[in-house]
């Protein structure tokens, strides 16, 4: 008898990977991103990232607080989890030597 989780009907060819986007943002584009999320999305959770593998916040913080902390470089990054047009999106914003990097992944429900 085998223990563990059994995934029925899952094969590599029918297990679609979520969409992933990667971009470097200029300060003006970053500010626009926060405005767009505030106006057009339903925000679930906003987490502050303290370092490579360290979360600076264990609890969700307001979107405006995360934007200010990122802009002032008080955190290494921010993760914003939100709903937009029927999909759950996770935007991770991280400081890099070339600017703020956006990694966006889409989580669709259903098939």
PDB file of N, CA and C in Angstrom:
ATOM      1  N   UNK A   1       0.838  -1.184   0.000  1.00  0.00           N
ATOM      2  CA  UNK A   1       0.000   0.000   0.000  1.00  0.00           C
ATOM      3  C   UNK A   1       0.879   1.242   0.000  1.00  0.00           C
ATOM      4  N   UNK A   2       0.534   2.188  -0.839  1.00  0.00           N
ATOM      5  CA  UNK A   2       1.299   3.422  -0.957  1.00  0.00           C
ATOM      6  C   UNK A   2       0.599   4.530  -0.189  1.00  0.00           C
ATOM      7  N   UNK A   3       1.371   5.334   0.530  1.00  0.00           N
ATOM      8  CA  UNK A   3       0.785   6.468   1.241  1.00  0.00           C
ATOM      9  C   UNK A   3       1.057   7.731   0.460  1.00  0.00           C
ATOM     10  N   UNK A   4       0.263   8.744   0.730  1.00  0.00           N
ATOM     11  CA  UNK A   4       0.451  10.021   0.060  1.00  0.00           C
ATOM     12  C   UNK A   4      -0.803  10.446  -0.666  1.00  0.00           C
ATOM     13  N   UNK A   5      -0.689  11.468  -1.450  1.00  0.00           N
ATOM     14  CA  UNK A   5      -1.817  12.018  -2.194  1.00  0.00           C
ATOM     15  C   UNK A   5      -1.841  11.421  -3.584  1.00  0.00           C
ATOM     16  N   UNK A   6      -3.003  10.988  -4.008  1.00  0.00           N
ATOM     17  CA  UNK A   6      -3.167  10.431  -5.347  1.00  0.00           C
ATOM     18  C   UNK A   6      -3.866  11.461  -6.223  1.00  0.00           C
ATOM     19  N   UNK A   7      -3.271  11.787  -7.332  1.00  0.00           N
ATOM     20  CA  UNK A   7      -3.844  12.746  -8.268  1.00  0.00           C
ATOM     21  C   UNK A   7      -4.420  11.978  -9.444  1.00  0.00           C
ATOM     22  N   UNK A   8      -5.719  11.924  -9.514  1.00  0.00           N
ATOM     23  CA  UNK A   8      -6.383  11.197 -10.597  1.00  0.00           C
ATOM     24  C   UNK A   8      -6.463  12.054 -11.845  1.00  0.00           C
ATOM     25  N   UNK A   9      -6.291  11.424 -12.982  1.00  0.00           N
ATOM     26  CA  UNK A   9      -6.456  12.073 -14.289  1.00  0.00           C
ATOM     27  C   UNK A   9      -5.520  13.263 -14.504  1.00  0.00           C
ATOM     28  N   UNK A  10      -4.377  13.282 -13.867  1.00  0.00           N
ATOM     29  CA  UNK A  10      -3.412  14.355 -14.076  1.00  0.00           C
ATOM     30  C   UNK A  10      -2.233  13.784 -14.849  1.00  0.00           C
ATOM     31  N   UNK A  11      -2.012  14.326 -16.014  1.00  0.00           N
ATOM     32  CA  UNK A  11      -0.862  13.946 -16.830  1.00  0.00           C
ATOM     33  C   UNK A  11      -0.176  15.222 -17.273  1.00  0.00           C
ATOM     34  N   UNK A  12       1.089  15.119 -17.599  1.00  0.00           N
ATOM     35  CA  UNK A  12       1.854  16.295 -17.998  1.00  0.00           C
ATOM     36  C   UNK A  12       1.161  17.049 -19.126  1.00  0.00           C
ATOM     37  N   UNK A  13       0.637  16.333 -20.097  1.00  0.00           N
ATOM     38  CA  UNK A  13       0.037  17.007 -21.248  1.00  0.00           C
ATOM     39  C   UNK A  13      -1.270  17.726 -20.937  1.00  0.00           C
ATOM     40  N   UNK A  14      -1.987  17.358 -19.840  1.00  0.00           N
ATOM     41  CA  UNK A  14      -3.217  18.076 -19.531  1.00  0.00           C
ATOM     42  C   UNK A  14      -3.121  18.881 -18.237  1.00  0.00           C
ATOM     43  N   UNK A  15      -1.932  19.034 -17.692  1.00  0.00           N
ATOM     44  CA  UNK A  15      -1.716  19.872 -16.513  1.00  0.00           C
ATOM     45  C   UNK A  15      -1.107  21.195 -16.971  1.00  0.00           C
ATOM     46  N   UNK A  16      -1.969  22.149 -17.309  1.00  0.00           N
ATOM     47  CA  UNK A  16      -1.513  23.437 -17.824  1.00  0.00           C
ATOM     48  C   UNK A  16      -0.805  24.241 -16.738  1.00  0.00           C
ATOM     49  N   UNK A  17       0.302  24.815 -17.093  1.00  0.00           N
ATOM     50  CA  UNK A  17       1.024  25.681 -16.170  1.00  0.00           C
ATOM     51  C   UNK A  17       0.372  27.062 -16.174  1.00  0.00           C
ATOM     52  N   UNK A  18       0.363  27.734 -15.024  1.00  0.00           N
ATOM     53  CA  UNK A  18      -0.223  29.075 -14.986  1.00  0.00           C
ATOM     54  C   UNK A  18       0.622  30.066 -15.783  1.00  0.00           C
ATOM     55  N   UNK A  19      -0.045  31.112 -16.263  1.00  0.00           N
ATOM     56  CA  UNK A  19       0.645  32.173 -16.987  1.00  0.00           C
ATOM     57  C   UNK A  19       1.594  32.900 -16.039  1.00  0.00           C
ATOM     58  N   UNK A  20       2.769  33.257 -16.533  1.00  0.00           N
ATOM     59  CA  UNK A  20       3.768  33.953 -15.740  1.00  0.00           C
ATOM     60  C   UNK A  20       4.274  35.142 -16.541  1.00  0.00           C
ATOM     61  N   UNK A  21       4.351  36.292 -15.888  1.00  0.00           N
ATOM     62  CA  UNK A  21       4.879  37.489 -16.533  1.00  0.00           C
ATOM     63  C   UNK A  21       6.036  38.011 -15.691  1.00  0.00           C
ATOM     64  N   UNK A  22       7.025  38.585 -16.357  1.00  0.00           N
ATOM     65  CA  UNK A  22       8.230  39.077 -15.693  1.00  0.00           C
ATOM     66  C   UNK A  22       8.618  40.393 -16.354  1.00  0.00           C
ATOM     67  N   UNK A  23       8.786  41.459 -15.560  1.00  0.00           N
ATOM     68  CA  UNK A  23       9.132  42.764 -16.125  1.00  0.00           C
ATOM     69  C   UNK A  23       9.866  43.613 -15.094  1.00  0.00           C
ATOM     70  N   UNK A  24      10.685  44.531 -15.582  1.00  0.00           N
ATOM     71  CA  UNK A  24      11.287  45.565 -14.739  1.00  0.00           C
ATOM     72  C   UNK A  24      10.420  46.808 -14.861  1.00  0.00           C
ATOM     73  N   UNK A  25      10.083  47.424 -13.733  1.00  0.00           N
ATOM     74  CA  UNK A  25       9.187  48.575 -13.737  1.00  0.00           C
ATOM     75  C   UNK A  25       9.930  49.855 -13.378  1.00  0.00           C
ATOM     76  N   UNK A  26       9.646  50.899 -14.129  1.00  0.00           N
ATOM     77  CA  UNK A  26      10.148  52.230 -13.791  1.00  0.00           C
ATOM     78  C   UNK A  26       9.260  52.776 -12.669  1.00  0.00           C
ATOM     79  N   UNK A  27       9.734  53.770 -11.916  1.00  0.00           N
ATOM     80  CA  UNK A  27       8.946  54.295 -10.793  1.00  0.00           C
ATOM     81  C   UNK A  27       7.520  54.724 -11.184  1.00  0.00           C
ATOM     82  N   UNK A  28       7.364  55.358 -12.327  1.00  0.00           N
ATOM     83  CA  UNK A  28       6.036  55.806 -12.760  1.00  0.00           C
ATOM     84  C   UNK A  28       5.120  54.610 -13.058  1.00  0.00           C
ATOM     85  N   UNK A  29       5.652  53.586 -13.688  1.00  0.00           N
ATOM     86  CA  UNK A  29       4.873  52.383 -13.997  1.00  0.00           C
ATOM     87  C   UNK A  29       4.509  51.637 -12.722  1.00  0.00           C
ATOM     88  N   UNK A  30       5.410  51.602 -11.757  1.00  0.00           N
ATOM     89  CA  UNK A  30       5.141  50.970 -10.474  1.00  0.00           C
ATOM     90  C   UNK A  30       3.997  51.685  -9.756  1.00  0.00           C
ATOM     91  N   UNK A  31       4.023  53.004  -9.736  1.00  0.00           N
ATOM     92  CA  UNK A  31       2.951  53.781  -9.110  1.00  0.00           C
ATOM     93  C   UNK A  31       1.615  53.515  -9.800  1.00  0.00           C
ATOM     94  N   UNK A  32       1.633  53.420 -11.138  1.00  0.00           N
ATOM     95  CA  UNK A  32       0.414  53.128 -11.893  1.00  0.00           C
ATOM     96  C   UNK A  32      -0.120  51.740 -11.569  1.00  0.00           C
ATOM     97  N   UNK A  33       0.768  50.777 -11.394  1.00  0.00           N
ATOM     98  CA  UNK A  33       0.361  49.418 -11.032  1.00  0.00           C
ATOM     99  C   UNK A  33      -0.418  49.428  -9.716  1.00  0.00           C
ATOM    100  N   UNK A  34       0.117  50.113  -8.699  1.00  0.00           N
ATOM    101  CA  UNK A  34      -0.583  50.183  -7.415  1.00  0.00           C
ATOM    102  C   UNK A  34      -1.940  50.871  -7.560  1.00  0.00           C
ATOM    103  N   UNK A  35      -2.013  51.946  -8.362  1.00  0.00           N
ATOM    104  CA  UNK A  35      -3.304  52.629  -8.584  1.00  0.00           C
ATOM    105  C   UNK A  35      -4.292  51.700  -9.267  1.00  0.00           C
ATOM    106  N   UNK A  36      -3.838  50.967 -10.283  1.00  0.00           N
ATOM    107  CA  UNK A  36      -4.719  50.063 -11.020  1.00  0.00           C
ATOM    108  C   UNK A  36      -5.252  48.944 -10.119  1.00  0.00           C
ATOM    109  N   UNK A  37      -4.400  48.363  -9.316  1.00  0.00           N
ATOM    110  CA  UNK A  37      -4.838  47.301  -8.417  1.00  0.00           C
ATOM    111  C   UNK A  37      -5.854  47.855  -7.417  1.00  0.00           C
ATOM    112  N   UNK A  38      -5.584  49.029  -6.880  1.00  0.00           N
ATOM    113  CA  UNK A  38      -6.494  49.653  -5.909  1.00  0.00           C
ATOM    114  C   UNK A  38      -7.875  49.896  -6.522  1.00  0.00           C
ATOM    115  N   UNK A  39      -7.909  50.374  -7.762  1.00  0.00           N
ATOM    116  CA  UNK A  39      -9.174  50.738  -8.411  1.00  0.00           C
ATOM    117  C   UNK A  39      -9.909  49.573  -9.049  1.00  0.00           C
ATOM    118  N   UNK A  40      -9.190  48.615  -9.601  1.00  0.00           N
ATOM    119  CA  UNK A  40      -9.809  47.621 -10.481  1.00  0.00           C
ATOM    120  C   UNK A  40      -9.852  46.201  -9.936  1.00  0.00           C
ATOM    121  N   UNK A  41      -9.213  45.936  -8.836  1.00  0.00           N
ATOM    122  CA  UNK A  41      -9.111  44.559  -8.342  1.00  0.00           C
ATOM    123  C   UNK A  41      -9.687  44.442  -6.935  1.00  0.00           C
ATOM    124  N   UNK A  42      -9.918  43.219  -6.530  1.00  0.00           N
ATOM    125  CA  UNK A  42     -10.311  42.923  -5.150  1.00  0.00           C
ATOM    126  C   UNK A  42      -9.087  42.311  -4.484  1.00  0.00           C
ATOM    127  N   UNK A  43      -8.477  43.068  -3.592  1.00  0.00           N
ATOM    128  CA  UNK A  43      -7.232  42.642  -2.947  1.00  0.00           C
ATOM    129  C   UNK A  43      -7.545  41.684  -1.802  1.00  0.00           C
ATOM    130  N   UNK A  44      -6.905  40.510  -1.840  1.00  0.00           N
ATOM    131  CA  UNK A  44      -7.051  39.503  -0.781  1.00  0.00           C
ATOM    132  C   UNK A  44      -6.014  39.684   0.313  1.00  0.00           C
ATOM    133  N   UNK A  45      -4.771  39.870  -0.106  1.00  0.00           N
ATOM    134  CA  UNK A  45      -3.678  39.858   0.854  1.00  0.00           C
ATOM    135  C   UNK A  45      -2.488  40.619   0.291  1.00  0.00           C
ATOM    136  N   UNK A  46      -1.798  41.355   1.167  1.00  0.00           N
ATOM    137  CA  UNK A  46      -0.588  42.081   0.795  1.00  0.00           C
ATOM    138  C   UNK A  46       0.458  41.777   1.858  1.00  0.00           C
ATOM    139  N   UNK A  47       1.558  41.143   1.435  1.00  0.00           N
ATOM    140  CA  UNK A  47       2.609  40.728   2.359  1.00  0.00           C
ATOM    141  C   UNK A  47       3.909  41.459   2.051  1.00  0.00           C
ATOM    142  N   UNK A  48       4.614  41.829   3.102  1.00  0.00           N
ATOM    143  CA  UNK A  48       5.919  42.474   2.953  1.00  0.00           C
ATOM    144  C   UNK A  48       6.991  41.404   3.029  1.00  0.00           C
ATOM    145  N   UNK A  49       8.010  41.525   2.178  1.00  0.00           N
ATOM    146  CA  UNK A  49       9.100  40.554   2.123  1.00  0.00           C
ATOM    147  C   UNK A  49      10.357  41.205   2.693  1.00  0.00           C
ATOM    148  N   UNK A  50      10.930  40.569   3.707  1.00  0.00           N
ATOM    149  CA  UNK A  50      12.079  41.139   4.393  1.00  0.00           C
ATOM    150  C   UNK A  50      13.420  40.788   3.791  1.00  0.00           C
ATOM    151  N   UNK A  51      13.512  39.700   3.053  1.00  0.00           N
ATOM    152  CA  UNK A  51      14.770  39.260   2.477  1.00  0.00           C
ATOM    153  C   UNK A  51      14.525  38.122   1.520  1.00  0.00           C
ATOM    154  N   UNK A  52      15.586  37.452   1.105  1.00  0.00           N
ATOM    155  CA  UNK A  52      15.484  36.402   0.099  1.00  0.00           C
ATOM    156  C   UNK A  52      14.458  35.328   0.467  1.00  0.00           C
ATOM    157  N   UNK A  53      14.444  34.896   1.725  1.00  0.00           N
ATOM    158  CA  UNK A  53      13.501  33.850   2.130  1.00  0.00           C
ATOM    159  C   UNK A  53      12.721  34.252   3.380  1.00  0.00           C
ATOM    160  N   UNK A  54      12.758  35.522   3.740  1.00  0.00           N
ATOM    161  CA  UNK A  54      12.168  35.995   4.985  1.00  0.00           C
ATOM    162  C   UNK A  54      10.994  36.920   4.715  1.00  0.00           C
ATOM    163  N   UNK A  55       9.859  36.631   5.323  1.00  0.00           N
ATOM    164  CA  UNK A  55       8.710  37.518   5.213  1.00  0.00           C
ATOM    165  C   UNK A  55       8.831  38.570   6.302  1.00  0.00           C
ATOM    166  N   UNK A  56       8.697  39.826   5.941  1.00  0.00           N
ATOM    167  CA  UNK A  56       8.768  40.910   6.911  1.00  0.00           C
ATOM    168  C   UNK A  56       7.448  41.052   7.660  1.00  0.00           C
ATOM    169  N   UNK A  57       6.354  40.619   7.026  1.00  0.00           N
ATOM    170  CA  UNK A  57       5.058  40.674   7.693  1.00  0.00           C
ATOM    171  C   UNK A  57       4.418  39.300   7.653  1.00  0.00           C
ATOM    172  N   UNK A  58       3.857  38.907   8.775  1.00  0.00           N
ATOM    173  CA  UNK A  58       3.122  37.644   8.831  1.00  0.00           C
ATOM    174  C   UNK A  58       1.659  37.870   8.516  1.00  0.00           C
ATOM    175  N   UNK A  59       1.205  39.093   8.697  1.00  0.00           N
ATOM    176  CA  UNK A  59      -0.187  39.447   8.434  1.00  0.00           C
ATOM    177  C   UNK A  59      -0.246  40.394   7.248  1.00  0.00           C
ATOM    178  N   UNK A  60      -1.384  40.398   6.604  1.00  0.00           N
ATOM    179  CA  UNK A  60      -1.597  41.291   5.473  1.00  0.00           C
ATOM    180  C   UNK A  60      -1.553  42.747   5.943  1.00  0.00           C
ATOM    181  N   UNK A  61      -0.987  43.596   5.103  1.00  0.00           N
ATOM    182  CA  UNK A  61      -0.918  45.034   5.387  1.00  0.00           C
ATOM    183  C   UNK A  61      -1.730  45.777   4.324  1.00  0.00           C
ATOM    184  N   UNK A  62      -2.132  47.021   4.595  1.00  0.00           N
ATOM    185  CA  UNK A  62      -2.842  47.795   3.575  1.00  0.00           C
ATOM    186  C   UNK A  62      -1.958  48.016   2.339  1.00  0.00           C
ATOM    187  N   UNK A  63      -2.595  48.082   1.185  1.00  0.00           N
ATOM    188  CA  UNK A  63      -1.878  48.266  -0.082  1.00  0.00           C
ATOM    189  C   UNK A  63      -1.023  49.532  -0.062  1.00  0.00           C
ATOM    190  N   UNK A  64      -1.556  50.623   0.458  1.00  0.00           N
ATOM    191  CA  UNK A  64      -0.806  51.891   0.503  1.00  0.00           C
ATOM    192  C   UNK A  64       0.443  51.774   1.375  1.00  0.00           C
ATOM    193  N   UNK A  65       0.343  51.037   2.469  1.00  0.00           N
ATOM    194  CA  UNK A  65       1.504  50.827   3.348  1.00  0.00           C
ATOM    195  C   UNK A  65       2.590  50.032   2.626  1.00  0.00           C
ATOM    196  N   UNK A  66       2.183  49.018   1.878  1.00  0.00           N
ATOM    197  CA  UNK A  66       3.144  48.205   1.119  1.00  0.00           C
ATOM    198  C   UNK A  66       3.827  49.039   0.044  1.00  0.00           C
ATOM    199  N   UNK A  67       3.062  49.874  -0.646  1.00  0.00           N
ATOM    200  CA  UNK A  67       3.646  50.728  -1.689  1.00  0.00           C
ATOM    201  C   UNK A  67       4.686  51.663  -1.094  1.00  0.00           C
ATOM    202  N   UNK A  68       4.365  52.291   0.030  1.00  0.00           N
ATOM    203  CA  UNK A  68       5.300  53.212   0.663  1.00  0.00           C
ATOM    204  C   UNK A  68       6.551  52.478   1.143  1.00  0.00           C
ATOM    205  N   UNK A  69       6.390  51.316   1.753  1.00  0.00           N
ATOM    206  CA  UNK A  69       7.548  50.547   2.239  1.00  0.00           C
ATOM    207  C   UNK A  69       8.454  50.138   1.086  1.00  0.00           C
ATOM    208  N   UNK A  70       7.857  49.765  -0.042  1.00  0.00           N
ATOM    209  CA  UNK A  70       8.648  49.380  -1.221  1.00  0.00           C
ATOM    210  C   UNK A  70       9.375  50.591  -1.792  1.00  0.00           C
ATOM    211  N   UNK A  71       8.654  51.709  -1.936  1.00  0.00           N
ATOM    212  CA  UNK A  71       9.237  52.929  -2.493  1.00  0.00           C
ATOM    213  C   UNK A  71      10.401  53.431  -1.640  1.00  0.00           C
ATOM    214  N   UNK A  72      10.250  53.343  -0.311  1.00  0.00           N
ATOM    215  CA  UNK A  72      11.287  53.813   0.616  1.00  0.00           C
ATOM    216  C   UNK A  72      12.369  52.757   0.878  1.00  0.00           C
ATOM    217  N   UNK A  73      12.255  51.602   0.218  1.00  0.00           N
ATOM    218  CA  UNK A  73      13.220  50.497   0.343  1.00  0.00           C
ATOM    219  C   UNK A  73      13.365  50.005   1.775  1.00  0.00           C
ATOM    220  N   UNK A  74      12.254  50.030   2.527  1.00  0.00           N
ATOM    221  CA  UNK A  74      12.252  49.482   3.882  1.00  0.00           C
ATOM    222  C   UNK A  74      12.034  47.975   3.863  1.00  0.00           C
ATOM    223  N   UNK A  75      11.652  47.442   2.711  1.00  0.00           N
ATOM    224  CA  UNK A  75      11.458  46.000   2.533  1.00  0.00           C
ATOM    225  C   UNK A  75      12.148  45.581   1.239  1.00  0.00           C
ATOM    226  N   UNK A  76      12.463  44.299   1.149  1.00  0.00           N
ATOM    227  CA  UNK A  76      13.079  43.777  -0.079  1.00  0.00           C
ATOM    228  C   UNK A  76      12.046  43.627  -1.180  1.00  0.00           C
ATOM    229  N   UNK A  77      10.786  43.409  -0.768  1.00  0.00           N
ATOM    230  CA  UNK A  77       9.751  43.212  -1.765  1.00  0.00           C
ATOM    231  C   UNK A  77       8.371  43.164  -1.146  1.00  0.00           C
ATOM    232  N   UNK A  78       7.388  42.987  -2.028  1.00  0.00           N
ATOM    233  CA  UNK A  78       5.981  42.956  -1.642  1.00  0.00           C
ATOM    234  C   UNK A  78       5.297  41.897  -2.492  1.00  0.00           C
ATOM    235  N   UNK A  79       4.376  41.150  -1.884  1.00  0.00           N
ATOM    236  CA  UNK A  79       3.539  40.250  -2.678  1.00  0.00           C
ATOM    237  C   UNK A  79       2.088  40.679  -2.503  1.00  0.00           C
ATOM    238  N   UNK A  80       1.406  40.880  -3.632  1.00  0.00           N
ATOM    239  CA  UNK A  80       0.005  41.298  -3.644  1.00  0.00           C
ATOM    240  C   UNK A  80      -0.803  40.173  -4.273  1.00  0.00           C
ATOM    241  N   UNK A  81      -1.795  39.688  -3.546  1.00  0.00           N
ATOM    242  CA  UNK A  81      -2.673  38.627  -4.048  1.00  0.00           C
ATOM    243  C   UNK A  81      -4.058  39.236  -4.221  1.00  0.00           C
ATOM    244  N   UNK A  82      -4.585  39.149  -5.443  1.00  0.00           N
ATOM    245  CA  UNK A  82      -5.845  39.831  -5.732  1.00  0.00           C
ATOM    246  C   UNK A  82      -6.633  39.109  -6.809  1.00  0.00           C
ATOM    247  N   UNK A  83      -7.920  39.474  -6.902  1.00  0.00           N
ATOM    248  CA  UNK A  83      -8.826  38.943  -7.926  1.00  0.00           C
ATOM    249  C   UNK A  83      -9.065  40.005  -8.983  1.00  0.00           C
ATOM    250  N   UNK A  84      -8.985  39.586 -10.248  1.00  0.00           N
ATOM    251  CA  UNK A  84      -9.269  40.488 -11.364  1.00  0.00           C
ATOM    252  C   UNK A  84      -9.786  39.654 -12.532  1.00  0.00           C
ATOM    253  N   UNK A  85     -10.948  40.006 -13.052  1.00  0.00           N
ATOM    254  CA  UNK A  85     -11.573  39.347 -14.194  1.00  0.00           C
ATOM    255  C   UNK A  85     -11.622  37.826 -14.048  1.00  0.00           C
ATOM    256  N   UNK A  86     -12.110  37.360 -12.903  1.00  0.00           N
ATOM    257  CA  UNK A  86     -12.326  35.936 -12.695  1.00  0.00           C
ATOM    258  C   UNK A  86     -11.095  35.110 -12.409  1.00  0.00           C
ATOM    259  N   UNK A  87      -9.971  35.741 -12.232  1.00  0.00           N
ATOM    260  CA  UNK A  87      -8.731  35.008 -11.948  1.00  0.00           C
ATOM    261  C   UNK A  87      -8.088  35.570 -10.690  1.00  0.00           C
ATOM    262  N   UNK A  88      -7.355  34.716 -10.006  1.00  0.00           N
ATOM    263  CA  UNK A  88      -6.581  35.115  -8.838  1.00  0.00           C
ATOM    264  C   UNK A  88      -5.151  35.379  -9.306  1.00  0.00           C
ATOM    265  N   UNK A  89      -4.644  36.563  -9.035  1.00  0.00           N
ATOM    266  CA  UNK A  89      -3.306  36.977  -9.464  1.00  0.00           C
ATOM    267  C   UNK A  89      -2.421  37.165  -8.248  1.00  0.00           C
ATOM    268  N   UNK A  90      -1.157  36.806  -8.399  1.00  0.00           N
ATOM    269  CA  UNK A  90      -0.144  37.065  -7.378  1.00  0.00           C
ATOM    270  C   UNK A  90       0.947  37.887  -8.044  1.00  0.00           C
ATOM    271  N   UNK A  91       1.101  39.127  -7.617  1.00  0.00           N
ATOM    272  CA  UNK A  91       2.177  39.998  -8.091  1.00  0.00           C
ATOM    273  C   UNK A  91       3.244  40.056  -7.013  1.00  0.00           C
ATOM    274  N   UNK A  92       4.466  39.684  -7.356  1.00  0.00           N
ATOM    275  CA  UNK A  92       5.595  39.812  -6.447  1.00  0.00           C
ATOM    276  C   UNK A  92       6.499  40.897  -6.997  1.00  0.00           C
ATOM    277  N   UNK A  93       6.745  41.907  -6.190  1.00  0.00           N
ATOM    278  CA  UNK A  93       7.581  43.050  -6.564  1.00  0.00           C
ATOM    279  C   UNK A  93       8.838  43.007  -5.701  1.00  0.00           C
ATOM    280  N   UNK A  94      10.006  42.940  -6.355  1.00  0.00           N
ATOM    281  CA  UNK A  94      11.274  42.813  -5.636  1.00  0.00           C
ATOM    282  C   UNK A  94      12.271  43.856  -6.116  1.00  0.00           C
ATOM    283  N   UNK A  95      13.015  44.413  -5.179  1.00  0.00           N
ATOM    284  CA  UNK A  95      14.095  45.328  -5.546  1.00  0.00           C
ATOM    285  C   UNK A  95      15.230  44.539  -6.198  1.00  0.00           C
ATOM    286  N   UNK A  96      15.758  45.064  -7.292  1.00  0.00           N
ATOM    287  CA  UNK A  96      16.930  44.508  -7.948  1.00  0.00           C
ATOM    288  C   UNK A  96      17.882  45.666  -8.231  1.00  0.00           C
ATOM    289  N   UNK A  97      19.129  45.392  -8.584  1.00  0.00           N
ATOM    290  CA  UNK A  97      20.054  46.476  -8.926  1.00  0.00           C
ATOM    291  C   UNK A  97      19.559  47.334 -10.108  1.00  0.00           C
ATOM    292  N   UNK A  98      18.716  46.752 -10.970  1.00  0.00           N
ATOM    293  CA  UNK A  98      18.225  47.496 -12.148  1.00  0.00           C
ATOM    294  C   UNK A  98      16.851  48.113 -11.955  1.00  0.00           C
ATOM    295  N   UNK A  99      16.267  47.965 -10.779  1.00  0.00           N
ATOM    296  CA  UNK A  99      14.945  48.525 -10.518  1.00  0.00           C
ATOM    297  C   UNK A  99      14.042  47.496  -9.865  1.00  0.00           C
ATOM    298  N   UNK A 100      12.751  47.808  -9.815  1.00  0.00           N
ATOM    299  CA  UNK A 100      11.787  46.892  -9.207  1.00  0.00           C
ATOM    300  C   UNK A 100      11.339  45.879 -10.256  1.00  0.00           C
ATOM    301  N   UNK A 101      11.463  44.617  -9.901  1.00  0.00           N
ATOM    302  CA  UNK A 101      11.081  43.525 -10.803  1.00  0.00           C
ATOM    303  C   UNK A 101       9.693  43.026 -10.412  1.00  0.00           C
ATOM    304  N   UNK A 102       8.833  42.861 -11.397  1.00  0.00           N
ATOM    305  CA  UNK A 102       7.494  42.318 -11.208  1.00  0.00           C
ATOM    306  C   UNK A 102       7.454  40.897 -11.745  1.00  0.00           C
ATOM    307  N   UNK A 103       7.047  39.968 -10.894  1.00  0.00           N
ATOM    308  CA  UNK A 103       6.752  38.597 -11.312  1.00  0.00           C
ATOM    309  C   UNK A 103       5.263  38.419 -11.046  1.00  0.00           C
ATOM    310  N   UNK A 104       4.503  38.130 -12.098  1.00  0.00           N
ATOM    311  CA  UNK A 104       3.046  37.980 -11.977  1.00  0.00           C
ATOM    312  C   UNK A 104       2.649  36.585 -12.420  1.00  0.00           C
ATOM    313  N   UNK A 105       1.850  35.951 -11.578  1.00  0.00           N
ATOM    314  CA  UNK A 105       1.351  34.621 -11.924  1.00  0.00           C
ATOM    315  C   UNK A 105      -0.162  34.619 -11.771  1.00  0.00           C
ATOM    316  N   UNK A 106      -0.830  33.970 -12.706  1.00  0.00           N
ATOM    317  CA  UNK A 106      -2.282  33.895 -12.721  1.00  0.00           C
ATOM    318  C   UNK A 106      -2.720  32.500 -12.277  1.00  0.00           C
ATOM    319  N   UNK A 107      -3.700  32.465 -11.381  1.00  0.00           N
ATOM    320  CA  UNK A 107      -4.273  31.211 -10.899  1.00  0.00           C
ATOM    321  C   UNK A 107      -5.724  31.177 -11.329  1.00  0.00           C
ATOM    322  N   UNK A 108      -6.071  30.379 -12.308  1.00  0.00           N
ATOM    323  CA  UNK A 108      -7.459  30.251 -12.769  1.00  0.00           C
ATOM    324  C   UNK A 108      -8.149  29.122 -12.029  1.00  0.00           C
ATOM    325  N   UNK A 109      -9.391  29.347 -11.666  1.00  0.00           N
ATOM    326  CA  UNK A 109     -10.186  28.293 -11.039  1.00  0.00           C
ATOM    327  C   UNK A 109     -10.883  27.501 -12.116  1.00  0.00           C
ATOM    328  N   UNK A 110     -11.054  26.243 -11.879  1.00  0.00           N
ATOM    329  CA  UNK A 110     -11.730  25.400 -12.863  1.00  0.00           C
ATOM    330  C   UNK A 110     -10.774  25.001 -13.955  1.00  0.00           C
ATOM    331  N   UNK A 111     -11.256  24.812 -15.141  1.00  0.00           N
ATOM    332  CA  UNK A 111     -10.386  24.328 -16.197  1.00  0.00           C
ATOM    333  C   UNK A 111     -10.196  25.313 -17.236  1.00  0.00           C
TER     334      UNK A 111
END
